[in-house]
N, C-alpha and C. Protein backbone atom coordinates (compact mmCIF):
# COMPACT_ATOMS: atom_id res chain seq x y z
N UNK A 1 -48.26 34.05 2.72
CA UNK A 1 -47.00 33.39 2.99
C UNK A 1 -46.52 32.69 1.72
N UNK A 2 -45.27 32.85 1.39
CA UNK A 2 -44.74 32.23 0.17
C UNK A 2 -44.42 30.76 0.41
N UNK A 3 -44.50 29.99 -0.67
CA UNK A 3 -44.18 28.58 -0.60
C UNK A 3 -42.68 28.39 -0.50
N UNK A 4 -42.27 27.46 0.35
CA UNK A 4 -40.85 27.12 0.47
C UNK A 4 -40.51 26.15 -0.65
N UNK A 5 -39.38 26.36 -1.27
CA UNK A 5 -38.92 25.48 -2.35
C UNK A 5 -37.94 24.48 -1.75
N UNK A 6 -38.33 23.21 -1.76
CA UNK A 6 -37.50 22.16 -1.22
C UNK A 6 -36.70 21.50 -2.33
N UNK A 7 -35.47 21.11 -2.03
CA UNK A 7 -34.64 20.37 -2.98
C UNK A 7 -34.53 18.93 -2.48
N UNK A 8 -35.11 18.00 -3.23
CA UNK A 8 -35.02 16.59 -2.88
C UNK A 8 -33.58 16.13 -3.08
N UNK A 9 -33.03 15.48 -2.06
CA UNK A 9 -31.65 15.01 -2.12
C UNK A 9 -31.58 13.65 -2.81
N UNK A 10 -30.48 13.42 -3.50
CA UNK A 10 -30.25 12.12 -4.15
C UNK A 10 -29.84 11.11 -3.07
N UNK A 11 -29.88 9.83 -3.43
CA UNK A 11 -29.45 8.79 -2.50
C UNK A 11 -28.00 9.01 -2.07
N UNK A 12 -27.15 9.41 -3.00
CA UNK A 12 -25.75 9.68 -2.69
C UNK A 12 -25.61 10.85 -1.70
N UNK A 13 -26.37 11.92 -1.94
CA UNK A 13 -26.33 13.07 -1.03
C UNK A 13 -26.81 12.68 0.36
N UNK A 14 -27.86 11.88 0.42
CA UNK A 14 -28.40 11.43 1.71
C UNK A 14 -27.36 10.59 2.44
N UNK A 15 -26.73 9.65 1.74
CA UNK A 15 -25.69 8.81 2.35
C UNK A 15 -24.56 9.65 2.92
N UNK A 16 -24.12 10.65 2.16
CA UNK A 16 -23.04 11.53 2.63
C UNK A 16 -23.46 12.30 3.88
N UNK A 17 -24.68 12.81 3.88
CA UNK A 17 -25.18 13.59 5.03
C UNK A 17 -25.30 12.72 6.27
N UNK A 18 -25.86 11.51 6.10
CA UNK A 18 -26.07 10.62 7.26
C UNK A 18 -24.75 10.26 7.92
N UNK A 19 -23.70 10.09 7.13
CA UNK A 19 -22.38 9.78 7.71
C UNK A 19 -21.89 10.87 8.64
N UNK A 20 -22.33 12.10 8.42
CA UNK A 20 -21.90 13.24 9.23
C UNK A 20 -22.84 13.49 10.41
N UNK A 21 -23.94 12.74 10.50
CA UNK A 21 -24.95 12.98 11.53
C UNK A 21 -24.81 11.95 12.64
N UNK A 22 -25.06 12.38 13.85
CA UNK A 22 -24.90 11.53 15.03
C UNK A 22 -26.17 10.73 15.33
N UNK A 23 -26.16 9.44 14.97
CA UNK A 23 -27.25 8.57 15.36
C UNK A 23 -28.46 8.53 14.45
N UNK A 24 -28.46 9.27 13.37
CA UNK A 24 -29.58 9.25 12.43
C UNK A 24 -29.38 8.11 11.44
N UNK A 25 -30.48 7.43 11.11
CA UNK A 25 -30.46 6.34 10.14
C UNK A 25 -31.51 6.61 9.08
N UNK A 26 -31.39 5.89 7.98
CA UNK A 26 -32.39 5.94 6.92
C UNK A 26 -33.27 4.70 7.06
N UNK A 27 -34.54 4.91 7.36
CA UNK A 27 -35.49 3.80 7.51
C UNK A 27 -36.76 4.14 6.73
N UNK A 28 -37.11 3.27 5.81
CA UNK A 28 -38.32 3.44 5.00
C UNK A 28 -38.36 4.81 4.32
N UNK A 29 -37.20 5.26 3.85
CA UNK A 29 -37.11 6.51 3.13
C UNK A 29 -37.19 7.76 3.99
N UNK A 30 -36.99 7.60 5.30
CA UNK A 30 -37.05 8.74 6.22
C UNK A 30 -35.83 8.75 7.12
N UNK A 31 -35.36 9.95 7.45
CA UNK A 31 -34.32 10.09 8.47
C UNK A 31 -34.97 9.75 9.80
N UNK A 32 -34.36 8.86 10.56
CA UNK A 32 -34.99 8.38 11.79
C UNK A 32 -33.98 8.35 12.93
N UNK A 33 -34.46 8.75 14.11
CA UNK A 33 -33.63 8.69 15.31
C UNK A 33 -34.55 8.63 16.53
N UNK A 34 -34.12 7.84 17.53
CA UNK A 34 -34.84 7.77 18.80
C UNK A 34 -34.02 8.43 19.88
N UNK A 35 -34.69 9.10 20.78
CA UNK A 35 -34.07 9.79 21.90
C UNK A 35 -34.66 9.23 23.19
N UNK A 36 -33.81 8.90 24.16
CA UNK A 36 -34.28 8.40 25.45
C UNK A 36 -34.00 9.44 26.53
N UNK A 37 -34.96 9.57 27.43
CA UNK A 37 -34.86 10.51 28.53
C UNK A 37 -35.11 9.77 29.84
N UNK A 38 -34.89 10.44 30.95
CA UNK A 38 -35.05 9.75 32.23
C UNK A 38 -36.52 9.53 32.61
N UNK A 39 -37.41 10.35 32.02
CA UNK A 39 -38.83 10.18 32.33
C UNK A 39 -39.69 10.85 31.27
N UNK A 40 -40.99 10.72 31.43
CA UNK A 40 -41.94 11.27 30.47
C UNK A 40 -41.87 12.80 30.40
N UNK A 41 -41.72 13.46 31.53
CA UNK A 41 -41.70 14.93 31.54
C UNK A 41 -40.52 15.46 30.73
N UNK A 42 -39.35 14.84 30.88
CA UNK A 42 -38.20 15.26 30.08
C UNK A 42 -38.43 15.02 28.59
N UNK A 43 -39.01 13.89 28.25
CA UNK A 43 -39.30 13.58 26.85
C UNK A 43 -40.29 14.59 26.27
N UNK A 44 -41.32 14.90 27.03
CA UNK A 44 -42.32 15.84 26.56
C UNK A 44 -41.75 17.25 26.47
N UNK A 45 -40.88 17.62 27.40
CA UNK A 45 -40.22 18.93 27.34
C UNK A 45 -39.37 19.06 26.08
N UNK A 46 -38.66 17.99 25.74
CA UNK A 46 -37.86 17.96 24.51
C UNK A 46 -38.76 18.17 23.30
N UNK A 47 -39.88 17.45 23.26
CA UNK A 47 -40.81 17.59 22.14
C UNK A 47 -41.34 19.02 22.04
N UNK A 48 -41.60 19.64 23.17
CA UNK A 48 -42.09 21.02 23.17
C UNK A 48 -41.05 21.97 22.56
N UNK A 49 -39.78 21.79 22.97
CA UNK A 49 -38.71 22.63 22.40
C UNK A 49 -38.62 22.44 20.89
N UNK A 50 -38.69 21.19 20.44
CA UNK A 50 -38.57 20.91 19.02
C UNK A 50 -39.77 21.45 18.25
N UNK A 51 -40.95 21.36 18.84
CA UNK A 51 -42.16 21.88 18.19
C UNK A 51 -42.01 23.37 17.92
N UNK A 52 -41.48 24.12 18.87
CA UNK A 52 -41.30 25.56 18.69
C UNK A 52 -40.27 25.86 17.61
N UNK A 53 -39.18 25.09 17.58
CA UNK A 53 -38.15 25.29 16.56
C UNK A 53 -38.67 24.89 15.17
N UNK A 54 -39.40 23.79 15.10
CA UNK A 54 -39.95 23.33 13.82
C UNK A 54 -40.92 24.36 13.25
N UNK A 55 -41.70 24.96 14.11
CA UNK A 55 -42.67 25.97 13.66
C UNK A 55 -41.94 27.18 13.08
N UNK A 56 -40.81 27.54 13.66
CA UNK A 56 -40.04 28.68 13.16
C UNK A 56 -39.61 28.50 11.72
N UNK A 57 -39.27 27.26 11.34
CA UNK A 57 -38.83 27.02 9.95
C UNK A 57 -39.94 26.40 9.10
N UNK A 58 -41.13 26.26 9.68
CA UNK A 58 -42.29 25.71 8.98
C UNK A 58 -42.00 24.34 8.37
N UNK A 59 -41.37 23.49 9.19
CA UNK A 59 -41.06 22.13 8.75
C UNK A 59 -41.24 21.22 9.97
N UNK A 60 -42.20 20.32 9.91
CA UNK A 60 -42.65 19.62 11.10
C UNK A 60 -42.34 18.12 11.04
N UNK A 61 -41.89 17.56 12.17
CA UNK A 61 -41.50 16.16 12.20
C UNK A 61 -42.70 15.22 12.33
N UNK A 62 -42.48 14.00 11.90
CA UNK A 62 -43.38 12.89 12.23
C UNK A 62 -42.73 12.27 13.46
N UNK A 63 -43.49 12.15 14.54
CA UNK A 63 -42.87 11.63 15.75
C UNK A 63 -43.85 10.90 16.62
N UNK A 64 -43.27 10.12 17.55
CA UNK A 64 -44.09 9.43 18.53
C UNK A 64 -43.37 9.48 19.87
N UNK A 65 -44.14 9.35 20.92
CA UNK A 65 -43.60 9.37 22.28
C UNK A 65 -44.23 8.23 23.06
N UNK A 66 -43.38 7.37 23.60
CA UNK A 66 -43.83 6.34 24.52
C UNK A 66 -43.00 6.50 25.78
N UNK A 67 -43.64 6.95 26.84
CA UNK A 67 -43.03 7.24 28.14
C UNK A 67 -41.78 8.10 28.00
N UNK A 68 -40.59 7.49 28.05
CA UNK A 68 -39.35 8.29 28.04
C UNK A 68 -38.62 8.26 26.70
N UNK A 69 -39.27 7.76 25.65
CA UNK A 69 -38.63 7.65 24.34
C UNK A 69 -39.40 8.45 23.30
N UNK A 70 -38.66 9.26 22.56
CA UNK A 70 -39.22 10.03 21.46
C UNK A 70 -38.55 9.53 20.18
N UNK A 71 -39.36 9.07 19.23
CA UNK A 71 -38.84 8.64 17.94
C UNK A 71 -39.28 9.65 16.89
N UNK A 72 -38.31 10.12 16.12
CA UNK A 72 -38.55 11.15 15.12
C UNK A 72 -38.21 10.62 13.74
N UNK A 73 -39.11 10.88 12.79
CA UNK A 73 -38.90 10.51 11.39
C UNK A 73 -39.06 11.77 10.55
N UNK A 74 -38.09 12.03 9.69
CA UNK A 74 -38.10 13.24 8.88
C UNK A 74 -38.11 12.91 7.40
N UNK A 75 -39.02 13.52 6.69
CA UNK A 75 -39.05 13.52 5.23
C UNK A 75 -39.94 14.68 4.81
N UNK A 76 -39.84 15.05 3.55
CA UNK A 76 -40.63 16.15 3.04
C UNK A 76 -41.71 15.58 2.12
N UNK A 77 -42.93 15.58 2.62
CA UNK A 77 -44.04 14.96 1.89
C UNK A 77 -44.29 15.64 0.54
N UNK A 78 -44.06 16.95 0.46
CA UNK A 78 -44.30 17.69 -0.78
C UNK A 78 -43.48 17.18 -1.96
N UNK A 79 -42.28 16.64 -1.67
CA UNK A 79 -41.42 16.15 -2.76
C UNK A 79 -41.24 14.63 -2.72
N UNK A 80 -41.82 13.99 -1.72
CA UNK A 80 -41.73 12.54 -1.63
C UNK A 80 -40.34 12.02 -1.31
N UNK A 81 -39.65 12.70 -0.43
CA UNK A 81 -38.31 12.25 -0.06
C UNK A 81 -37.66 13.17 0.94
N UNK A 82 -36.37 12.98 1.11
CA UNK A 82 -35.59 13.76 2.06
C UNK A 82 -35.02 14.98 1.36
N UNK A 83 -35.13 16.13 2.03
CA UNK A 83 -34.63 17.39 1.48
C UNK A 83 -33.63 18.02 2.43
N UNK A 84 -33.05 19.12 1.96
CA UNK A 84 -32.14 19.89 2.80
C UNK A 84 -32.84 20.39 4.07
N UNK A 85 -34.15 20.59 4.02
CA UNK A 85 -34.89 21.03 5.21
C UNK A 85 -34.96 19.93 6.26
N UNK A 86 -35.00 18.67 5.84
CA UNK A 86 -34.97 17.57 6.80
C UNK A 86 -33.62 17.52 7.51
N UNK A 87 -32.56 17.74 6.76
CA UNK A 87 -31.21 17.78 7.34
C UNK A 87 -31.12 18.94 8.33
N UNK A 88 -31.63 20.10 7.93
CA UNK A 88 -31.61 21.28 8.80
C UNK A 88 -32.38 21.01 10.09
N UNK A 89 -33.56 20.41 9.99
CA UNK A 89 -34.36 20.13 11.18
C UNK A 89 -33.66 19.09 12.06
N UNK A 90 -33.02 18.09 11.46
CA UNK A 90 -32.27 17.09 12.24
C UNK A 90 -31.16 17.78 13.04
N UNK A 91 -30.47 18.73 12.43
CA UNK A 91 -29.42 19.47 13.12
C UNK A 91 -29.98 20.29 14.27
N UNK A 92 -31.12 20.92 14.05
CA UNK A 92 -31.79 21.70 15.11
C UNK A 92 -32.17 20.77 16.27
N UNK A 93 -32.73 19.61 15.93
CA UNK A 93 -33.13 18.64 16.95
C UNK A 93 -31.92 18.21 17.78
N UNK A 94 -30.84 17.85 17.10
CA UNK A 94 -29.64 17.44 17.82
C UNK A 94 -29.09 18.56 18.71
N UNK A 95 -29.10 19.79 18.21
CA UNK A 95 -28.61 20.91 18.99
C UNK A 95 -29.49 21.18 20.22
N UNK A 96 -30.76 20.86 20.14
CA UNK A 96 -31.66 21.06 21.26
C UNK A 96 -31.66 19.88 22.24
N UNK A 97 -30.90 18.84 21.91
CA UNK A 97 -30.80 17.68 22.79
C UNK A 97 -29.49 17.69 23.57
N UNK A 98 -28.72 18.76 23.48
CA UNK A 98 -27.47 18.87 24.22
C UNK A 98 -27.79 19.04 25.71
N UNK A 99 -27.10 18.30 26.52
CA UNK A 99 -27.37 18.38 27.97
C UNK A 99 -26.40 19.30 28.64
């Protein structure tokens, strides 16, 4: 398998991208967003959908789940910051959260 080449985004690029994203914030150098569901099963189902999508693009989120809340943090550890792949995964996550 070939290595994916990530492009680390500048602070200006990140600021511009975040303005176009629904509910994502920059916290501790990571794109961050929390999602609330009606119960644990819905939250876990959402995580399962995202896990399958993340695997397809070989880019995996840092996340936590407490009952009905899923908190996701995105950054690319290989480059020590946010890349275009984090933006892409955030878009995939948002698209999979449409009701």
